[in-house]
Amino acid sequence: MDYLKTTFSFLLGAGLGVAAGILTAPKKGKRTRADISNFIDDTKSELEEMSNQKLAEAKSYLNQTVETQRKNAKKGIKKVKEVATIS
């Protein structure tokens, strides 16, 4: 959670800094709007890439957890069968 909060804060600060710099620069409005649009597109792409990476990590973790639980369940079933045949 702290990682997400820190990342979001950093990106927000960077975005505001870039936006302030672009808006105060002595450029024509058309060029400034193009710069802002490009920045937003780049940031969107970076966020999508980070989101996809985190989603892949979460899926991997979930698959590992499911596999571990499956193995534990098989061991449990085996033990129950052993106890049942002894009685």
PDB file of N, CA and C in Angstrom:
ATOM      1  N   MET A   1       0.830  -1.187   0.000  1.00  0.00           N
ATOM      2  CA  MET A   1       0.000   0.000   0.000  1.00  0.00           C
ATOM      3  C   MET A   1       0.872   1.248   0.000  1.00  0.00           C
ATOM      4  N   ASP A   2       1.940   1.234   0.798  1.00  0.00           N
ATOM      5  CA  ASP A   2       2.831   2.384   0.843  1.00  0.00           C
ATOM      6  C   ASP A   2       3.497   2.610  -0.505  1.00  0.00           C
ATOM      7  N   TYR A   3       3.827   1.508  -1.200  1.00  0.00           N
ATOM      8  CA  TYR A   3       4.452   1.618  -2.508  1.00  0.00           C
ATOM      9  C   TYR A   3       3.524   2.347  -3.476  1.00  0.00           C
ATOM     10  N   LEU A   4       2.263   1.968  -3.468  1.00  0.00           N
ATOM     11  CA  LEU A   4       1.288   2.607  -4.352  1.00  0.00           C
ATOM     12  C   LEU A   4       1.126   4.084  -4.021  1.00  0.00           C
ATOM     13  N   LYS A   5       1.038   4.382  -2.731  1.00  0.00           N
ATOM     14  CA  LYS A   5       0.863   5.770  -2.291  1.00  0.00           C
ATOM     15  C   LYS A   5       2.082   6.609  -2.684  1.00  0.00           C
ATOM     16  N   THR A   6       3.276   6.046  -2.486  1.00  0.00           N
ATOM     17  CA  THR A   6       4.504   6.756  -2.826  1.00  0.00           C
ATOM     18  C   THR A   6       4.604   6.972  -4.330  1.00  0.00           C
ATOM     19  N   THR A   7       4.298   5.926  -5.091  1.00  0.00           N
ATOM     20  CA  THR A   7       4.353   6.029  -6.551  1.00  0.00           C
ATOM     21  C   THR A   7       3.365   7.073  -7.054  1.00  0.00           C
ATOM     22  N   PHE A   8       2.143   7.020  -6.530  1.00  0.00           N
ATOM     23  CA  PHE A   8       1.130   7.985  -6.950  1.00  0.00           C
ATOM     24  C   PHE A   8       1.557   9.408  -6.603  1.00  0.00           C
ATOM     25  N   SER A   9       2.082   9.603  -5.414  1.00  0.00           N
ATOM     26  CA  SER A   9       2.526  10.938  -4.986  1.00  0.00           C
ATOM     27  C   SER A   9       3.647  11.452  -5.879  1.00  0.00           C
ATOM     28  N   PHE A  10       4.587  10.556  -6.196  1.00  0.00           N
ATOM     29  CA  PHE A  10       5.693  10.948  -7.068  1.00  0.00           C
ATOM     30  C   PHE A  10       5.187  11.356  -8.451  1.00  0.00           C
ATOM     31  N   LEU A  11       4.319  10.508  -9.016  1.00  0.00           N
ATOM     32  CA  LEU A  11       3.795  10.802 -10.350  1.00  0.00           C
ATOM     33  C   LEU A  11       2.975  12.089 -10.359  1.00  0.00           C
ATOM     34  N   LEU A  12       2.199  12.299  -9.323  1.00  0.00           N
ATOM     35  CA  LEU A  12       1.409  13.525  -9.232  1.00  0.00           C
ATOM     36  C   LEU A  12       2.316  14.746  -9.149  1.00  0.00           C
ATOM     37  N   GLY A  13       3.337  14.664  -8.301  1.00  0.00           N
ATOM     38  CA  GLY A  13       4.275  15.786  -8.172  1.00  0.00           C
ATOM     39  C   GLY A  13       5.027  16.051  -9.458  1.00  0.00           C
ATOM     40  N   ALA A  14       5.478  14.981 -10.099  1.00  0.00           N
ATOM     41  CA  ALA A  14       6.189  15.136 -11.368  1.00  0.00           C
ATOM     42  C   ALA A  14       5.272  15.744 -12.425  1.00  0.00           C
ATOM     43  N   GLY A  15       4.040  15.250 -12.461  1.00  0.00           N
ATOM     44  CA  GLY A  15       3.083  15.778 -13.442  1.00  0.00           C
ATOM     45  C   GLY A  15       2.779  17.245 -13.227  1.00  0.00           C
ATOM     46  N   LEU A  16       2.582  17.631 -11.984  1.00  0.00           N
ATOM     47  CA  LEU A  16       2.307  19.042 -11.685  1.00  0.00           C
ATOM     48  C   LEU A  16       3.513  19.914 -12.013  1.00  0.00           C
ATOM     49  N   GLY A  17       4.704  19.406 -11.719  1.00  0.00           N
ATOM     50  CA  GLY A  17       5.917  20.163 -12.029  1.00  0.00           C
ATOM     51  C   GLY A  17       6.096  20.361 -13.522  1.00  0.00           C
ATOM     52  N   VAL A  18       5.889  19.307 -14.271  1.00  0.00           N
ATOM     53  CA  VAL A  18       6.010  19.400 -15.735  1.00  0.00           C
ATOM     54  C   VAL A  18       4.929  20.315 -16.287  1.00  0.00           C
ATOM     55  N   ALA A  19       3.703  20.161 -15.797  1.00  0.00           N
ATOM     56  CA  ALA A  19       2.606  21.004 -16.289  1.00  0.00           C
ATOM     57  C   ALA A  19       2.881  22.478 -15.994  1.00  0.00           C
ATOM     58  N   ALA A  20       3.371  22.773 -14.799  1.00  0.00           N
ATOM     59  CA  ALA A  20       3.671  24.164 -14.460  1.00  0.00           C
ATOM     60  C   ALA A  20       4.781  24.704 -15.348  1.00  0.00           C
ATOM     61  N   GLY A  21       5.795  23.884 -15.593  1.00  0.00           N
ATOM     62  CA  GLY A  21       6.893  24.312 -16.461  1.00  0.00           C
ATOM     63  C   GLY A  21       6.433  24.559 -17.885  1.00  0.00           C
ATOM     64  N   ILE A  22       5.596  23.677 -18.369  1.00  0.00           N
ATOM     65  CA  ILE A  22       5.101  23.823 -19.744  1.00  0.00           C
ATOM     66  C   ILE A  22       4.204  25.057 -19.865  1.00  0.00           C
ATOM     67  N   LEU A  23       3.335  25.242 -18.879  1.00  0.00           N
ATOM     68  CA  LEU A  23       2.397  26.353 -18.955  1.00  0.00           C
ATOM     69  C   LEU A  23       3.076  27.714 -18.797  1.00  0.00           C
ATOM     70  N   THR A  24       4.187  27.764 -18.113  1.00  0.00           N
ATOM     71  CA  THR A  24       4.875  29.048 -17.927  1.00  0.00           C
ATOM     72  C   THR A  24       5.953  29.287 -18.974  1.00  0.00           C
ATOM     73  N   ALA A  25       6.219  28.314 -19.811  1.00  0.00           N
ATOM     74  CA  ALA A  25       7.236  28.479 -20.849  1.00  0.00           C
ATOM     75  C   ALA A  25       6.706  29.399 -21.952  1.00  0.00           C
ATOM     76  N   PRO A  26       7.598  30.144 -22.577  1.00  0.00           N
ATOM     77  CA  PRO A  26       7.164  31.067 -23.635  1.00  0.00           C
ATOM     78  C   PRO A  26       6.977  30.358 -24.978  1.00  0.00           C
ATOM     79  N   LYS A  27       5.927  29.547 -25.078  1.00  0.00           N
ATOM     80  CA  LYS A  27       5.615  28.853 -26.330  1.00  0.00           C
ATOM     81  C   LYS A  27       4.218  29.251 -26.783  1.00  0.00           C
ATOM     82  N   LYS A  28       3.944  28.947 -28.025  1.00  0.00           N
ATOM     83  CA  LYS A  28       2.601  29.177 -28.539  1.00  0.00           C
ATOM     84  C   LYS A  28       1.645  28.176 -27.899  1.00  0.00           C
ATOM     85  N   GLY A  29       0.386  28.556 -27.791  1.00  0.00           N
ATOM     86  CA  GLY A  29      -0.630  27.705 -27.161  1.00  0.00           C
ATOM     87  C   GLY A  29      -0.765  26.353 -27.830  1.00  0.00           C
ATOM     88  N   LYS A  30      -0.676  26.329 -29.158  1.00  0.00           N
ATOM     89  CA  LYS A  30      -0.817  25.078 -29.886  1.00  0.00           C
ATOM     90  C   LYS A  30       0.302  24.110 -29.506  1.00  0.00           C
ATOM     91  N   ARG A  31       1.506  24.634 -29.408  1.00  0.00           N
ATOM     92  CA  ARG A  31       2.655  23.798 -29.046  1.00  0.00           C
ATOM     93  C   ARG A  31       2.551  23.333 -27.589  1.00  0.00           C
ATOM     94  N   THR A  32       2.095  24.210 -26.722  1.00  0.00           N
ATOM     95  CA  THR A  32       1.934  23.852 -25.311  1.00  0.00           C
ATOM     96  C   THR A  32       0.897  22.748 -25.154  1.00  0.00           C
ATOM     97  N   ARG A  33      -0.220  22.882 -25.849  1.00  0.00           N
ATOM     98  CA  ARG A  33      -1.252  21.849 -25.782  1.00  0.00           C
ATOM     99  C   ARG A  33      -0.733  20.519 -26.312  1.00  0.00           C
ATOM    100  N   ALA A  34       0.060  20.558 -27.377  1.00  0.00           N
ATOM    101  CA  ALA A  34       0.647  19.334 -27.930  1.00  0.00           C
ATOM    102  C   ALA A  34       1.603  18.697 -26.915  1.00  0.00           C
ATOM    103  N   ASP A  35       2.398  19.517 -26.233  1.00  0.00           N
ATOM    104  CA  ASP A  35       3.319  19.007 -25.213  1.00  0.00           C
ATOM    105  C   ASP A  35       2.564  18.351 -24.064  1.00  0.00           C
ATOM    106  N   ILE A  36       1.500  19.002 -23.622  1.00  0.00           N
ATOM    107  CA  ILE A  36       0.696  18.449 -22.528  1.00  0.00           C
ATOM    108  C   ILE A  36       0.052  17.139 -22.973  1.00  0.00           C
ATOM    109  N   SER A  37      -0.474  17.101 -24.169  1.00  0.00           N
ATOM    110  CA  SER A  37      -1.096  15.889 -24.692  1.00  0.00           C
ATOM    111  C   SER A  37      -0.078  14.750 -24.777  1.00  0.00           C
ATOM    112  N   ASN A  38       1.121  15.060 -25.254  1.00  0.00           N
ATOM    113  CA  ASN A  38       2.169  14.039 -25.346  1.00  0.00           C
ATOM    114  C   ASN A  38       2.557  13.527 -23.959  1.00  0.00           C
ATOM    115  N   PHE A  39       2.664  14.446 -23.002  1.00  0.00           N
ATOM    116  CA  PHE A  39       3.011  14.059 -21.645  1.00  0.00           C
ATOM    117  C   PHE A  39       1.941  13.138 -21.062  1.00  0.00           C
ATOM    118  N   ILE A  40       0.689  13.486 -21.273  1.00  0.00           N
ATOM    119  CA  ILE A  40      -0.408  12.664 -20.758  1.00  0.00           C
ATOM    120  C   ILE A  40      -0.394  11.286 -21.412  1.00  0.00           C
ATOM    121  N   ASP A  41      -0.175  11.241 -22.716  1.00  0.00           N
ATOM    122  CA  ASP A  41      -0.112   9.955 -23.415  1.00  0.00           C
ATOM    123  C   ASP A  41       1.043   9.092 -22.895  1.00  0.00           C
ATOM    124  N   ASP A  42       2.204   9.707 -22.695  1.00  0.00           N
ATOM    125  CA  ASP A  42       3.358   8.972 -22.172  1.00  0.00           C
ATOM    126  C   ASP A  42       3.092   8.450 -20.775  1.00  0.00           C
ATOM    127  N   THR A  43       2.506   9.292 -19.926  1.00  0.00           N
ATOM    128  CA  THR A  43       2.202   8.893 -18.559  1.00  0.00           C
ATOM    129  C   THR A  43       1.178   7.774 -18.545  1.00  0.00           C
ATOM    130  N   LYS A  44       0.182   7.870 -19.400  1.00  0.00           N
ATOM    131  CA  LYS A  44      -0.837   6.828 -19.497  1.00  0.00           C
ATOM    132  C   LYS A  44      -0.196   5.500 -19.890  1.00  0.00           C
ATOM    133  N   SER A  45       0.705   5.530 -20.852  1.00  0.00           N
ATOM    134  CA  SER A  45       1.386   4.310 -21.289  1.00  0.00           C
ATOM    135  C   SER A  45       2.216   3.712 -20.156  1.00  0.00           C
ATOM    136  N   GLU A  46       2.915   4.558 -19.421  1.00  0.00           N
ATOM    137  CA  GLU A  46       3.723   4.078 -18.303  1.00  0.00           C
ATOM    138  C   GLU A  46       2.847   3.451 -17.222  1.00  0.00           C
ATOM    139  N   LEU A  47       1.729   4.099 -16.915  1.00  0.00           N
ATOM    140  CA  LEU A  47       0.820   3.560 -15.899  1.00  0.00           C
ATOM    141  C   LEU A  47       0.209   2.231 -16.342  1.00  0.00           C
ATOM    142  N   GLU A  48      -0.133   2.122 -17.622  1.00  0.00           N
ATOM    143  CA  GLU A  48      -0.676   0.866 -18.137  1.00  0.00           C
ATOM    144  C   GLU A  48       0.363  -0.242 -18.022  1.00  0.00           C
ATOM    145  N   GLU A  49       1.608   0.084 -18.353  1.00  0.00           N
ATOM    146  CA  GLU A  49       2.686  -0.901 -18.271  1.00  0.00           C
ATOM    147  C   GLU A  49       2.901  -1.346 -16.823  1.00  0.00           C
ATOM    148  N   MET A  50       2.927  -0.380 -15.893  1.00  0.00           N
ATOM    149  CA  MET A  50       3.089  -0.723 -14.481  1.00  0.00           C
ATOM    150  C   MET A  50       1.911  -1.556 -13.986  1.00  0.00           C
ATOM    151  N   SER A  51       0.703  -1.199 -14.397  1.00  0.00           N
ATOM    152  CA  SER A  51      -0.491  -1.942 -13.981  1.00  0.00           C
ATOM    153  C   SER A  51      -0.447  -3.369 -14.494  1.00  0.00           C
ATOM    154  N   ASN A  52      -0.049  -3.533 -15.749  1.00  0.00           N
ATOM    155  CA  ASN A  52       0.034  -4.880 -16.323  1.00  0.00           C
ATOM    156  C   ASN A  52       1.092  -5.713 -15.606  1.00  0.00           C
ATOM    157  N   GLN A  53       2.203  -5.078 -15.253  1.00  0.00           N
ATOM    158  CA  GLN A  53       3.266  -5.782 -14.532  1.00  0.00           C
ATOM    159  C   GLN A  53       2.773  -6.225 -13.149  1.00  0.00           C
ATOM    160  N   LYS A  54       2.110  -5.330 -12.432  1.00  0.00           N
ATOM    161  CA  LYS A  54       1.598  -5.668 -11.103  1.00  0.00           C
ATOM    162  C   LYS A  54       0.506  -6.739 -11.196  1.00  0.00           C
ATOM    163  N   LEU A  55      -0.314  -6.679 -12.227  1.00  0.00           N
ATOM    164  CA  LEU A  55      -1.350  -7.692 -12.423  1.00  0.00           C
ATOM    165  C   LEU A  55      -0.709  -9.052 -12.677  1.00  0.00           C
ATOM    166  N   ALA A  56       0.332  -9.092 -13.492  1.00  0.00           N
ATOM    167  CA  ALA A  56       1.036 -10.346 -13.757  1.00  0.00           C
ATOM    168  C   ALA A  56       1.656 -10.894 -12.470  1.00  0.00           C
ATOM    169  N   GLU A  57       2.235 -10.020 -11.644  1.00  0.00           N
ATOM    170  CA  GLU A  57       2.803 -10.448 -10.368  1.00  0.00           C
ATOM    171  C   GLU A  57       1.715 -11.016  -9.454  1.00  0.00           C
ATOM    172  N   ALA A  58       0.569 -10.355  -9.412  1.00  0.00           N
ATOM    173  CA  ALA A  58      -0.531 -10.815  -8.568  1.00  0.00           C
ATOM    174  C   ALA A  58      -1.047 -12.171  -9.047  1.00  0.00           C
ATOM    175  N   LYS A  59      -1.176 -12.352 -10.352  1.00  0.00           N
ATOM    176  CA  LYS A  59      -1.622 -13.626 -10.901  1.00  0.00           C
ATOM    177  C   LYS A  59      -0.639 -14.738 -10.563  1.00  0.00           C
ATOM    178  N   SER A  60       0.642 -14.436 -10.676  1.00  0.00           N
ATOM    179  CA  SER A  60       1.675 -15.418 -10.352  1.00  0.00           C
ATOM    180  C   SER A  60       1.585 -15.819  -8.887  1.00  0.00           C
ATOM    181  N   TYR A  61       1.445 -14.837  -8.018  1.00  0.00           N
ATOM    182  CA  TYR A  61       1.332 -15.112  -6.584  1.00  0.00           C
ATOM    183  C   TYR A  61       0.092 -15.951  -6.299  1.00  0.00           C
ATOM    184  N   LEU A  62      -1.016 -15.610  -6.924  1.00  0.00           N
ATOM    185  CA  LEU A  62      -2.261 -16.354  -6.730  1.00  0.00           C
ATOM    186  C   LEU A  62      -2.100 -17.796  -7.205  1.00  0.00           C
ATOM    187  N   ASN A  63      -1.473 -17.982  -8.368  1.00  0.00           N
ATOM    188  CA  ASN A  63      -1.269 -19.332  -8.883  1.00  0.00           C
ATOM    189  C   ASN A  63      -0.389 -20.156  -7.943  1.00  0.00           C
ATOM    190  N   GLN A  64       0.644 -19.541  -7.388  1.00  0.00           N
ATOM    191  CA  GLN A  64       1.511 -20.239  -6.431  1.00  0.00           C
ATOM    192  C   GLN A  64       0.721 -20.631  -5.184  1.00  0.00           C
ATOM    193  N   THR A  65      -0.101 -19.721  -4.700  1.00  0.00           N
ATOM    194  CA  THR A  65      -0.904 -19.997  -3.510  1.00  0.00           C
ATOM    195  C   THR A  65      -1.888 -21.130  -3.769  1.00  0.00           C
ATOM    196  N   VAL A  66      -2.541 -21.107  -4.907  1.00  0.00           N
ATOM    197  CA  VAL A  66      -3.493 -22.164  -5.258  1.00  0.00           C
ATOM    198  C   VAL A  66      -2.771 -23.502  -5.357  1.00  0.00           C
ATOM    199  N   GLU A  67      -1.610 -23.512  -5.979  1.00  0.00           N
ATOM    200  CA  GLU A  67      -0.843 -24.751  -6.119  1.00  0.00           C
ATOM    201  C   GLU A  67      -0.422 -25.293  -4.752  1.00  0.00           C
ATOM    202  N   THR A  68       0.025 -24.419  -3.866  1.00  0.00           N
ATOM    203  CA  THR A  68       0.414 -24.834  -2.520  1.00  0.00           C
ATOM    204  C   THR A  68      -0.777 -25.423  -1.783  1.00  0.00           C
ATOM    205  N   GLN A  69      -1.919 -24.777  -1.866  1.00  0.00           N
ATOM    206  CA  GLN A  69      -3.121 -25.273  -1.192  1.00  0.00           C
ATOM    207  C   GLN A  69      -3.585 -26.602  -1.792  1.00  0.00           C
ATOM    208  N   ARG A  70      -3.432 -26.765  -3.080  1.00  0.00           N
ATOM    209  CA  ARG A  70      -3.793 -28.027  -3.735  1.00  0.00           C
ATOM    210  C   ARG A  70      -2.920 -29.166  -3.208  1.00  0.00           C
ATOM    211  N   LYS A  71      -1.627 -28.902  -3.109  1.00  0.00           N
ATOM    212  CA  LYS A  71      -0.710 -29.918  -2.577  1.00  0.00           C
ATOM    213  C   LYS A  71      -1.042 -30.249  -1.128  1.00  0.00           C
ATOM    214  N   ASN A  72      -1.330 -29.232  -0.331  1.00  0.00           N
ATOM    215  CA  ASN A  72      -1.695 -29.462   1.071  1.00  0.00           C
ATOM    216  C   ASN A  72      -2.981 -30.279   1.185  1.00  0.00           C
ATOM    217  N   ALA A  73      -3.940 -29.989   0.311  1.00  0.00           N
ATOM    218  CA  ALA A  73      -5.199 -30.732   0.327  1.00  0.00           C
ATOM    219  C   ALA A  73      -4.959 -32.196  -0.027  1.00  0.00           C
ATOM    220  N   LYS A  74      -4.090 -32.458  -1.008  1.00  0.00           N
ATOM    221  CA  LYS A  74      -3.788 -33.839  -1.378  1.00  0.00           C
ATOM    222  C   LYS A  74      -3.145 -34.581  -0.210  1.00  0.00           C
ATOM    223  N   LYS A  75      -2.231 -33.908   0.487  1.00  0.00           N
ATOM    224  CA  LYS A  75      -1.592 -34.525   1.653  1.00  0.00           C
ATOM    225  C   LYS A  75      -2.627 -34.819   2.727  1.00  0.00           C
ATOM    226  N   GLY A  76      -3.530 -33.887   2.958  1.00  0.00           N
ATOM    227  CA  GLY A  76      -4.579 -34.076   3.953  1.00  0.00           C
ATOM    228  C   GLY A  76      -5.485 -35.246   3.609  1.00  0.00           C
ATOM    229  N   ILE A  77      -5.877 -35.347   2.355  1.00  0.00           N
ATOM    230  CA  ILE A  77      -6.729 -36.451   1.903  1.00  0.00           C
ATOM    231  C   ILE A  77      -6.011 -37.781   2.092  1.00  0.00           C
ATOM    232  N   LYS A  78      -4.736 -37.798   1.761  1.00  0.00           N
ATOM    233  CA  LYS A  78      -3.942 -39.015   1.917  1.00  0.00           C
ATOM    234  C   LYS A  78      -3.898 -39.442   3.386  1.00  0.00           C
ATOM    235  N   LYS A  79      -3.700 -38.477   4.292  1.00  0.00           N
ATOM    236  CA  LYS A  79      -3.657 -38.791   5.719  1.00  0.00           C
ATOM    237  C   LYS A  79      -5.010 -39.304   6.215  1.00  0.00           C
ATOM    238  N   VAL A  80      -6.081 -38.687   5.746  1.00  0.00           N
ATOM    239  CA  VAL A  80      -7.424 -39.125   6.146  1.00  0.00           C
ATOM    240  C   VAL A  80      -7.649 -40.559   5.661  1.00  0.00           C
ATOM    241  N   LYS A  81      -7.243 -40.879   4.462  1.00  0.00           N
ATOM    242  CA  LYS A  81      -7.406 -42.240   3.947  1.00  0.00           C
ATOM    243  C   LYS A  81      -6.597 -43.235   4.766  1.00  0.00           C
ATOM    244  N   GLU A  82      -5.385 -42.827   5.160  1.00  0.00           N
ATOM    245  CA  GLU A  82      -4.547 -43.706   5.975  1.00  0.00           C
ATOM    246  C   GLU A  82      -5.208 -43.979   7.320  1.00  0.00           C
ATOM    247  N   VAL A  83      -5.727 -42.946   7.959  1.00  0.00           N
ATOM    248  CA  VAL A  83      -6.389 -43.098   9.256  1.00  0.00           C
ATOM    249  C   VAL A  83      -7.645 -43.937   9.103  1.00  0.00           C
ATOM    250  N   ALA A  84      -8.381 -43.743   8.042  1.00  0.00           N
ATOM    251  CA  ALA A  84      -9.630 -44.465   7.816  1.00  0.00           C
ATOM    252  C   ALA A  84      -9.361 -45.955   7.593  1.00  0.00           C
ATOM    253  N   THR A  85      -8.271 -46.306   6.911  1.00  0.00           N
ATOM    254  CA  THR A  85      -7.979 -47.725   6.650  1.00  0.00           C
ATOM    255  C   THR A  85      -7.404 -48.418   7.877  1.00  0.00           C
ATOM    256  N   ILE A  86      -6.797 -47.675   8.787  1.00  0.00           N
ATOM    257  CA  ILE A  86      -6.248 -48.253  10.015  1.00  0.00           C
ATOM    258  C   ILE A  86      -7.374 -48.613  10.973  1.00  0.00           C
ATOM    259  N   SER A  87      -8.395 -47.819  11.030  1.00  0.00           N
ATOM    260  CA  SER A  87      -9.497 -48.043  11.983  1.00  0.00           C
ATOM    261  C   SER A  87     -10.314 -49.167  11.566  1.00  0.00           C
TER     262      SER A  87
END
